[in-house]
Amino acid sequence: MAYPFITAAADTAANGADWTSAGASVVGVIVAVLLLVVTWRQVTLFRQQNALAEQQIDIAGRQATMDERLAVIEETRLHDALRPQLQITVTEQQGDRARLHIKLVGPPALDGLDAITVSVGNDDADHEGAGGQSAPGINGPTEQEIRDQVWGPYRFGDSADGVDAHGRTVAPFRLALGYGRPLGLRRTLAPRWANHESWFSEYDGQPVRLLILCELDGYKPWRVVWEGVPTPAQ
């Protein structure tokens, strides 16, 4: 025998189960969507934060580069402002001697130099093969002899402090602002392979060229090139 009220209750229970199952599915979808949205927002936020961090790193790098350039510009400006101002004279004396005098006259902000190294420079001629002054034959100059020779009217004399074997350069010396240093010069000796008369006549009245390295602690060295004709003795 069928009982209607039992059948109806069963149908109601079945329908309720369907609704419960459907509701659970909907809730699951909603939760999944919400999780997807949250995840997307987190990913977006992470990307934004990463982009911001990269932008900040780029800005910091540009600022560091700008600071370095400004530091170099300031260093160069200060280096140029402190370039030594030298008063240089070469005065002929009796015989084959001359007197070189170097005085530090500026700039006022430069109190002095820790070291000045003076070297006698060569003239502009190309002296490969001794510049055409070598005698023909097997007694011509070697490459080392050409490099050692001072190609100019004067060299440093033997009495100069720390003079090298060829009279090319002397020992470095300190110099305070407003003070000078005299250095003795002598006529350059003609090399063994050259005609002595033509050698001295060629360099008579020619300018002396000096290469001067000025050093001060904390700064790059300054290089000064000076050229001048010796002043005749009074």
C-alpha atoms as a PDB file:
ATOM      1  CA  MET A   1       0.000   0.000   0.000  1.00  0.00           C
ATOM      2  CA  ALA A   2       1.355   3.376  -0.933  1.00  0.00           C
ATOM      3  CA  TYR A   3       1.323   6.160   1.522  1.00  0.00           C
ATOM      4  CA  PRO A   4       1.025   9.507  -0.238  1.00  0.00           C
ATOM      5  CA  PHE A   5       2.429  11.522   2.572  1.00  0.00           C
ATOM      6  CA  ILE A   6       5.556   9.363   2.629  1.00  0.00           C
ATOM      7  CA  THR A   7       6.004   9.768  -1.157  1.00  0.00           C
ATOM      8  CA  ALA A   8       5.590  13.512  -0.894  1.00  0.00           C
ATOM      9  CA  ALA A   9       8.126  13.712   1.899  1.00  0.00           C
ATOM     10  CA  ALA A  10      10.577  11.694  -0.142  1.00  0.00           C
ATOM     11  CA  ASP A  11      10.070  13.975  -3.134  1.00  0.00           C
ATOM     12  CA  THR A  12      10.544  17.000  -0.937  1.00  0.00           C
ATOM     13  CA  ALA A  13      13.723  15.550   0.522  1.00  0.00           C
ATOM     14  CA  ALA A  14      15.039  14.749  -2.972  1.00  0.00           C
ATOM     15  CA  ASN A  15      14.294  18.242  -4.177  1.00  0.00           C
ATOM     16  CA  GLY A  16      15.971  19.674  -1.111  1.00  0.00           C
ATOM     17  CA  ALA A  17      19.068  17.592  -1.779  1.00  0.00           C
ATOM     18  CA  ASP A  18      19.123  18.872  -5.364  1.00  0.00           C
ATOM     19  CA  TRP A  19      18.839  22.427  -4.166  1.00  0.00           C
ATOM     20  CA  THR A  20      21.536  21.865  -1.585  1.00  0.00           C
ATOM     21  CA  SER A  21      23.799  20.355  -4.220  1.00  0.00           C
ATOM     22  CA  ALA A  22      23.112  23.230  -6.607  1.00  0.00           C
ATOM     23  CA  GLY A  23      23.700  25.769  -3.856  1.00  0.00           C
ATOM     24  CA  ALA A  24      26.987  24.124  -2.974  1.00  0.00           C
ATOM     25  CA  SER A  25      28.047  24.258  -6.603  1.00  0.00           C
ATOM     26  CA  VAL A  26      27.171  27.940  -6.835  1.00  0.00           C
ATOM     27  CA  VAL A  27      29.051  28.665  -3.627  1.00  0.00           C
ATOM     28  CA  GLY A  28      32.025  26.726  -4.971  1.00  0.00           C
ATOM     29  CA  VAL A  29      31.997  28.759  -8.159  1.00  0.00           C
ATOM     30  CA  ILE A  30      31.706  31.994  -6.219  1.00  0.00           C
ATOM     31  CA  VAL A  31      34.591  31.007  -3.959  1.00  0.00           C
ATOM     32  CA  ALA A  32      36.685  30.033  -6.980  1.00  0.00           C
ATOM     33  CA  VAL A  33      35.918  33.353  -8.659  1.00  0.00           C
ATOM     34  CA  LEU A  34      36.758  35.212  -5.475  1.00  0.00           C
ATOM     35  CA  LEU A  35      40.028  33.311  -5.142  1.00  0.00           C
ATOM     36  CA  LEU A  36      40.819  34.064  -8.781  1.00  0.00           C
ATOM     37  CA  VAL A  37      40.085  37.765  -8.243  1.00  0.00           C
ATOM     38  CA  VAL A  38      42.228  37.856  -5.089  1.00  0.00           C
ATOM     39  CA  THR A  39      45.056  36.032  -6.860  1.00  0.00           C
ATOM     40  CA  TRP A  40      44.835  38.378  -9.851  1.00  0.00           C
ATOM     41  CA  ARG A  41      44.932  41.385  -7.551  1.00  0.00           C
ATOM     42  CA  GLN A  42      47.940  39.965  -5.730  1.00  0.00           C
ATOM     43  CA  VAL A  43      49.752  39.318  -8.996  1.00  0.00           C
ATOM     44  CA  THR A  44      48.877  42.804 -10.231  1.00  0.00           C
ATOM     45  CA  LEU A  45      50.059  44.331  -6.949  1.00  0.00           C
ATOM     46  CA  PHE A  46      53.291  42.326  -7.117  1.00  0.00           C
ATOM     47  CA  ARG A  47      53.924  43.486 -10.677  1.00  0.00           C
ATOM     48  CA  GLN A  48      53.251  47.083  -9.711  1.00  0.00           C
ATOM     49  CA  GLN A  49      55.582  46.825  -6.734  1.00  0.00           C
ATOM     50  CA  ASN A  50      58.240  45.178  -8.896  1.00  0.00           C
ATOM     51  CA  ALA A  51      57.887  47.893 -11.550  1.00  0.00           C
ATOM     52  CA  LEU A  52      58.110  50.565  -8.849  1.00  0.00           C
ATOM     53  CA  ALA A  53      61.235  48.930  -7.416  1.00  0.00           C
ATOM     54  CA  GLU A  54      62.841  48.777 -10.868  1.00  0.00           C
ATOM     55  CA  GLN A  55      61.922  52.425 -11.438  1.00  0.00           C
ATOM     56  CA  GLN A  56      63.486  53.394  -8.114  1.00  0.00           C
ATOM     57  CA  ILE A  57      66.629  51.417  -8.958  1.00  0.00           C
ATOM     58  CA  ASP A  58      66.780  53.147 -12.363  1.00  0.00           C
ATOM     59  CA  ILE A  59      66.350  56.562 -10.732  1.00  0.00           C
ATOM     60  CA  ALA A  60      69.025  55.743  -8.164  1.00  0.00           C
ATOM     61  CA  GLY A  61      71.373  54.588 -10.940  1.00  0.00           C
ATOM     62  CA  ARG A  62      70.786  57.762 -12.930  1.00  0.00           C
ATOM     63  CA  GLN A  63      71.338  59.862  -9.817  1.00  0.00           C
ATOM     64  CA  ALA A  64      74.583  58.017  -9.081  1.00  0.00           C
ATOM     65  CA  THR A  65      75.730  58.547 -12.671  1.00  0.00           C
ATOM     66  CA  MET A  66      74.825  62.236 -12.442  1.00  0.00           C
ATOM     67  CA  ASP A  67      76.688  62.552  -9.136  1.00  0.00           C
ATOM     68  CA  GLU A  68      79.752  60.901 -10.666  1.00  0.00           C
ATOM     69  CA  ARG A  69      79.666  63.257 -13.646  1.00  0.00           C
ATOM     70  CA  LEU A  70      79.285  66.277 -11.400  1.00  0.00           C
ATOM     71  CA  ALA A  71      82.172  65.039  -9.257  1.00  0.00           C
ATOM     72  CA  VAL A  72      84.364  64.647 -12.357  1.00  0.00           C
ATOM     73  CA  ILE A  73      83.381  68.111 -13.603  1.00  0.00           C
ATOM     74  CA  GLU A  74      84.174  69.645 -10.215  1.00  0.00           C
ATOM     75  CA  GLU A  75      87.459  67.747  -9.993  1.00  0.00           C
ATOM     76  CA  THR A  76      88.436  68.924 -13.485  1.00  0.00           C
ATOM     77  CA  ARG A  77      87.439  72.505 -12.676  1.00  0.00           C
ATOM     78  CA  LEU A  78      89.487  72.517  -9.490  1.00  0.00           C
ATOM     79  CA  HIS A  79      92.417  70.845 -11.250  1.00  0.00           C
ATOM     80  CA  ASP A  80      92.371  73.510 -13.962  1.00  0.00           C
ATOM     81  CA  ALA A  81      92.002  76.293 -11.392  1.00  0.00           C
ATOM     82  CA  LEU A  82      95.117  75.066  -9.579  1.00  0.00           C
ATOM     83  CA  ARG A  83      97.265  74.600 -12.686  1.00  0.00           C
ATOM     84  CA  PRO A  84     100.741  75.847 -11.714  1.00  0.00           C
ATOM     85  CA  GLN A  85     101.874  79.137 -13.178  1.00  0.00           C
ATOM     86  CA  LEU A  86     105.616  79.021 -13.738  1.00  0.00           C
ATOM     87  CA  GLN A  87     107.969  81.856 -14.562  1.00  0.00           C
ATOM     88  CA  ILE A  88     110.853  80.386 -16.557  1.00  0.00           C
ATOM     89  CA  THR A  89     113.990  82.018 -17.909  1.00  0.00           C
ATOM     90  CA  VAL A  90     117.150  80.700 -19.546  1.00  0.00           C
ATOM     91  CA  THR A  91     120.095  83.087 -19.464  1.00  0.00           C
ATOM     92  CA  GLU A  92     123.366  82.449 -21.255  1.00  0.00           C
ATOM     93  CA  GLN A  93     126.545  82.702 -19.195  1.00  0.00           C
ATOM     94  CA  GLN A  94     130.226  82.561 -19.956  1.00  0.00           C
ATOM     95  CA  GLY A  95     131.500  79.818 -22.152  1.00  0.00           C
ATOM     96  CA  ASP A  96     129.149  76.942 -22.800  1.00  0.00           C
ATOM     97  CA  ARG A  97     127.008  77.477 -19.701  1.00  0.00           C
ATOM     98  CA  ALA A  98     123.532  78.859 -19.120  1.00  0.00           C
ATOM     99  CA  ARG A  99     121.268  79.347 -16.111  1.00  0.00           C
ATOM    100  CA  LEU A 100     117.711  77.984 -15.977  1.00  0.00           C
ATOM    101  CA  HIS A 101     115.470  79.568 -13.340  1.00  0.00           C
ATOM    102  CA  ILE A 102     112.006  78.206 -12.528  1.00  0.00           C
ATOM    103  CA  LYS A 103     109.723  80.138 -10.159  1.00  0.00           C
ATOM    104  CA  LEU A 104     106.224  79.238  -8.950  1.00  0.00           C
ATOM    105  CA  VAL A 105     104.187  82.454  -9.237  1.00  0.00           C
ATOM    106  CA  GLY A 106     100.589  81.213  -9.017  1.00  0.00           C
ATOM    107  CA  PRO A 107      97.763  80.674  -8.657  1.00  0.00           C
ATOM    108  CA  PRO A 108      97.342  82.158  -5.158  1.00  0.00           C
ATOM    109  CA  ALA A 109      95.303  79.146  -3.987  1.00  0.00           C
ATOM    110  CA  LEU A 110      98.273  76.872  -4.680  1.00  0.00           C
ATOM    111  CA  ASP A 111     100.601  77.026  -1.684  1.00  0.00           C
ATOM    112  CA  GLY A 112     103.267  74.923  -3.323  1.00  0.00           C
ATOM    113  CA  LEU A 113     104.155  71.729  -5.159  1.00  0.00           C
ATOM    114  CA  ASP A 114     105.370  68.483  -3.637  1.00  0.00           C
ATOM    115  CA  ALA A 115     107.557  67.656  -6.620  1.00  0.00           C
ATOM    116  CA  ILE A 116     108.672  69.261  -9.873  1.00  0.00           C
ATOM    117  CA  THR A 117     110.466  67.106 -12.419  1.00  0.00           C
ATOM    118  CA  VAL A 118     112.152  68.986 -15.264  1.00  0.00           C
ATOM    119  CA  SER A 119     113.343  67.306 -18.452  1.00  0.00           C
ATOM    120  CA  VAL A 120     114.963  68.759 -21.549  1.00  0.00           C
ATOM    121  CA  GLY A 121     112.914  67.997 -24.644  1.00  0.00           C
ATOM    122  CA  ASN A 122     114.036  67.349 -28.192  1.00  0.00           C
ATOM    123  CA  ASP A 123     113.436  69.570 -31.179  1.00  0.00           C
ATOM    124  CA  ASP A 124     110.785  68.771 -33.791  1.00  0.00           C
ATOM    125  CA  ALA A 125     113.062  66.982 -36.263  1.00  0.00           C
ATOM    126  CA  ASP A 126     112.682  63.291 -36.986  1.00  0.00           C
ATOM    127  CA  HIS A 127     115.913  61.808 -35.702  1.00  0.00           C
ATOM    128  CA  GLU A 128     115.420  58.266 -36.910  1.00  0.00           C
ATOM    129  CA  GLY A 129     118.735  57.504 -38.526  1.00  0.00           C
ATOM    130  CA  ALA A 130     120.160  60.460 -36.558  1.00  0.00           C
ATOM    131  CA  GLY A 131     118.226  62.978 -38.582  1.00  0.00           C
ATOM    132  CA  GLY A 132     120.693  62.842 -41.454  1.00  0.00           C
ATOM    133  CA  GLN A 133     123.605  63.896 -39.238  1.00  0.00           C
ATOM    134  CA  SER A 134     125.274  60.508 -39.015  1.00  0.00           C
ATOM    135  CA  ALA A 135     128.443  59.883 -40.955  1.00  0.00           C
ATOM    136  CA  PRO A 136     128.133  57.201 -43.603  1.00  0.00           C
ATOM    137  CA  GLY A 137     129.521  53.760 -42.956  1.00  0.00           C
ATOM    138  CA  ILE A 138     129.400  51.296 -40.138  1.00  0.00           C
ATOM    139  CA  ASN A 139     130.036  53.862 -37.386  1.00  0.00           C
ATOM    140  CA  GLY A 140     126.558  55.331 -37.474  1.00  0.00           C
ATOM    141  CA  PRO A 141     124.434  55.651 -34.317  1.00  0.00           C
ATOM    142  CA  THR A 142     122.480  52.881 -32.672  1.00  0.00           C
ATOM    143  CA  GLU A 143     118.813  53.300 -31.764  1.00  0.00           C
ATOM    144  CA  GLN A 144     119.769  53.598 -28.099  1.00  0.00           C
ATOM    145  CA  GLU A 145     122.284  56.352 -28.841  1.00  0.00           C
ATOM    146  CA  ILE A 146     119.619  58.270 -30.762  1.00  0.00           C
ATOM    147  CA  ARG A 147     117.193  57.984 -27.817  1.00  0.00           C
ATOM    148  CA  ASP A 148     119.847  59.043 -25.307  1.00  0.00           C
ATOM    149  CA  GLN A 149     120.990  62.087 -27.270  1.00  0.00           C
ATOM    150  CA  VAL A 150     119.569  65.479 -26.276  1.00  0.00           C
ATOM    151  CA  TRP A 151     118.522  67.112 -29.545  1.00  0.00           C
ATOM    152  CA  GLY A 152     118.667  70.765 -28.606  1.00  0.00           C
ATOM    153  CA  PRO A 153     121.078  73.567 -27.701  1.00  0.00           C
ATOM    154  CA  TYR A 154     121.350  72.857 -23.957  1.00  0.00           C
ATOM    155  CA  ARG A 155     121.285  69.983 -21.492  1.00  0.00           C
ATOM    156  CA  PHE A 156     121.584  69.874 -17.710  1.00  0.00           C
ATOM    157  CA  GLY A 157     125.103  70.311 -16.391  1.00  0.00           C
ATOM    158  CA  ASP A 158     126.937  67.833 -14.227  1.00  0.00           C
ATOM    159  CA  SER A 159     126.476  70.031 -11.156  1.00  0.00           C
ATOM    160  CA  ALA A 160     122.663  69.800 -11.209  1.00  0.00           C
ATOM    161  CA  ASP A 161     121.183  67.673  -8.420  1.00  0.00           C
ATOM    162  CA  GLY A 162     120.326  64.165  -9.570  1.00  0.00           C
ATOM    163  CA  VAL A 163     121.203  64.767 -13.198  1.00  0.00           C
ATOM    164  CA  ASP A 164     121.087  61.628 -15.321  1.00  0.00           C
ATOM    165  CA  ALA A 165     123.960  60.370 -17.460  1.00  0.00           C
ATOM    166  CA  HIS A 166     122.772  62.229 -20.563  1.00  0.00           C
ATOM    167  CA  GLY A 167     121.824  65.577 -19.026  1.00  0.00           C
ATOM    168  CA  ARG A 168     118.187  64.957 -19.931  1.00  0.00           C
ATOM    169  CA  THR A 169     116.575  65.326 -16.511  1.00  0.00           C
ATOM    170  CA  VAL A 170     117.275  66.139 -12.855  1.00  0.00           C
ATOM    171  CA  ALA A 171     115.932  64.873  -9.527  1.00  0.00           C
ATOM    172  CA  PRO A 172     112.463  66.136  -8.491  1.00  0.00           C
ATOM    173  CA  PHE A 173     112.387  69.068  -6.083  1.00  0.00           C
ATOM    174  CA  ARG A 174     109.780  70.854  -3.951  1.00  0.00           C
ATOM    175  CA  LEU A 175     108.777  74.435  -4.620  1.00  0.00           C
ATOM    176  CA  ALA A 176     106.701  76.855  -2.524  1.00  0.00           C
ATOM    177  CA  LEU A 177     104.571  79.642  -3.963  1.00  0.00           C
ATOM    178  CA  GLY A 178     106.684  82.706  -4.662  1.00  0.00           C
ATOM    179  CA  TYR A 179     109.987  80.821  -4.667  1.00  0.00           C
ATOM    180  CA  GLY A 180     112.234  79.632  -7.460  1.00  0.00           C
ATOM    181  CA  ARG A 181     115.026  77.192  -8.186  1.00  0.00           C
ATOM    182  CA  PRO A 182     118.118  77.817 -10.356  1.00  0.00           C
ATOM    183  CA  LEU A 183     119.484  74.962 -12.441  1.00  0.00           C
ATOM    184  CA  GLY A 184     122.718  74.879 -14.400  1.00  0.00           C
ATOM    185  CA  LEU A 185     122.755  74.131 -18.118  1.00  0.00           C
ATOM    186  CA  ARG A 186     125.579  73.392 -20.532  1.00  0.00           C
ATOM    187  CA  ARG A 187     125.742  73.316 -24.301  1.00  0.00           C
ATOM    188  CA  THR A 188     124.708  69.952 -25.629  1.00  0.00           C
ATOM    189  CA  LEU A 189     127.636  67.809 -26.697  1.00  0.00           C
ATOM    190  CA  ALA A 190     127.684  66.781 -30.301  1.00  0.00           C
ATOM    191  CA  PRO A 191     127.205  63.029 -30.714  1.00  0.00           C
ATOM    192  CA  ARG A 192     130.204  60.985 -31.797  1.00  0.00           C
ATOM    193  CA  TRP A 193     128.847  60.417 -35.311  1.00  0.00           C
ATOM    194  CA  ALA A 194     128.007  64.067 -36.078  1.00  0.00           C
ATOM    195  CA  ASN A 195     130.106  66.841 -37.596  1.00  0.00           C
ATOM    196  CA  HIS A 196     130.814  69.054 -34.577  1.00  0.00           C
ATOM    197  CA  GLU A 197     130.947  72.348 -36.453  1.00  0.00           C
ATOM    198  CA  SER A 198     127.623  71.821 -38.220  1.00  0.00           C
ATOM    199  CA  TRP A 199     126.087  70.534 -34.973  1.00  0.00           C
ATOM    200  CA  PHE A 200     126.818  73.698 -32.988  1.00  0.00           C
ATOM    201  CA  SER A 201     125.925  76.022 -35.849  1.00  0.00           C
ATOM    202  CA  GLU A 202     122.605  74.238 -36.329  1.00  0.00           C
ATOM    203  CA  TYR A 203     121.547  74.709 -32.696  1.00  0.00           C
ATOM    204  CA  ASP A 204     123.044  78.145 -32.147  1.00  0.00           C
ATOM    205  CA  GLY A 205     120.230  80.551 -31.165  1.00  0.00           C
ATOM    206  CA  GLN A 206     117.610  77.793 -31.170  1.00  0.00           C
ATOM    207  CA  PRO A 207     115.008  77.560 -28.366  1.00  0.00           C
ATOM    208  CA  VAL A 208     115.267  75.344 -25.329  1.00  0.00           C
ATOM    209  CA  ARG A 209     112.297  73.020 -24.826  1.00  0.00           C
ATOM    210  CA  LEU A 210     111.381  71.864 -21.325  1.00  0.00           C
ATOM    211  CA  LEU A 211     108.913  69.218 -20.215  1.00  0.00           C
ATOM    212  CA  ILE A 212     107.830  69.861 -16.614  1.00  0.00           C
ATOM    213  CA  LEU A 213     105.816  67.495 -14.429  1.00  0.00           C
ATOM    214  CA  CYS A 214     104.205  69.179 -11.402  1.00  0.00           C
ATOM    215  CA  GLU A 215     102.868  66.980  -8.590  1.00  0.00           C
ATOM    216  CA  LEU A 216     100.758  67.696  -5.514  1.00  0.00           C
ATOM    217  CA  ASP A 217      99.313  65.108  -3.160  1.00  0.00           C
ATOM    218  CA  GLY A 218      95.606  64.529  -3.799  1.00  0.00           C
ATOM    219  CA  TYR A 219      95.635  65.812  -7.396  1.00  0.00           C
ATOM    220  CA  LYS A 220      96.468  64.445 -10.797  1.00  0.00           C
ATOM    221  CA  PRO A 221      99.862  65.667 -12.075  1.00  0.00           C
ATOM    222  CA  TRP A 222     100.056  68.767 -14.233  1.00  0.00           C
ATOM    223  CA  ARG A 223     102.224  68.682 -17.368  1.00  0.00           C
ATOM    224  CA  VAL A 224     103.739  71.922 -18.602  1.00  0.00           C
ATOM    225  CA  VAL A 225     105.610  72.351 -21.878  1.00  0.00           C
ATOM    226  CA  TRP A 226     107.791  75.449 -22.130  1.00  0.00           C
ATOM    227  CA  GLU A 227     109.921  76.686 -25.000  1.00  0.00           C
ATOM    228  CA  GLY A 228     112.088  79.783 -25.164  1.00  0.00           C
ATOM    229  CA  VAL A 229     115.230  81.190 -26.715  1.00  0.00           C
ATOM    230  CA  PRO A 230     118.031  81.781 -24.187  1.00  0.00           C
ATOM    231  CA  THR A 231     118.652  85.400 -23.234  1.00  0.00           C
ATOM    232  CA  PRO A 232     122.195  86.559 -24.065  1.00  0.00           C
ATOM    233  CA  ALA A 233     124.460  87.296 -21.115  1.00  0.00           C
ATOM    234  CA  GLN A 234     124.504  90.937 -20.010  1.00  0.00           C
END
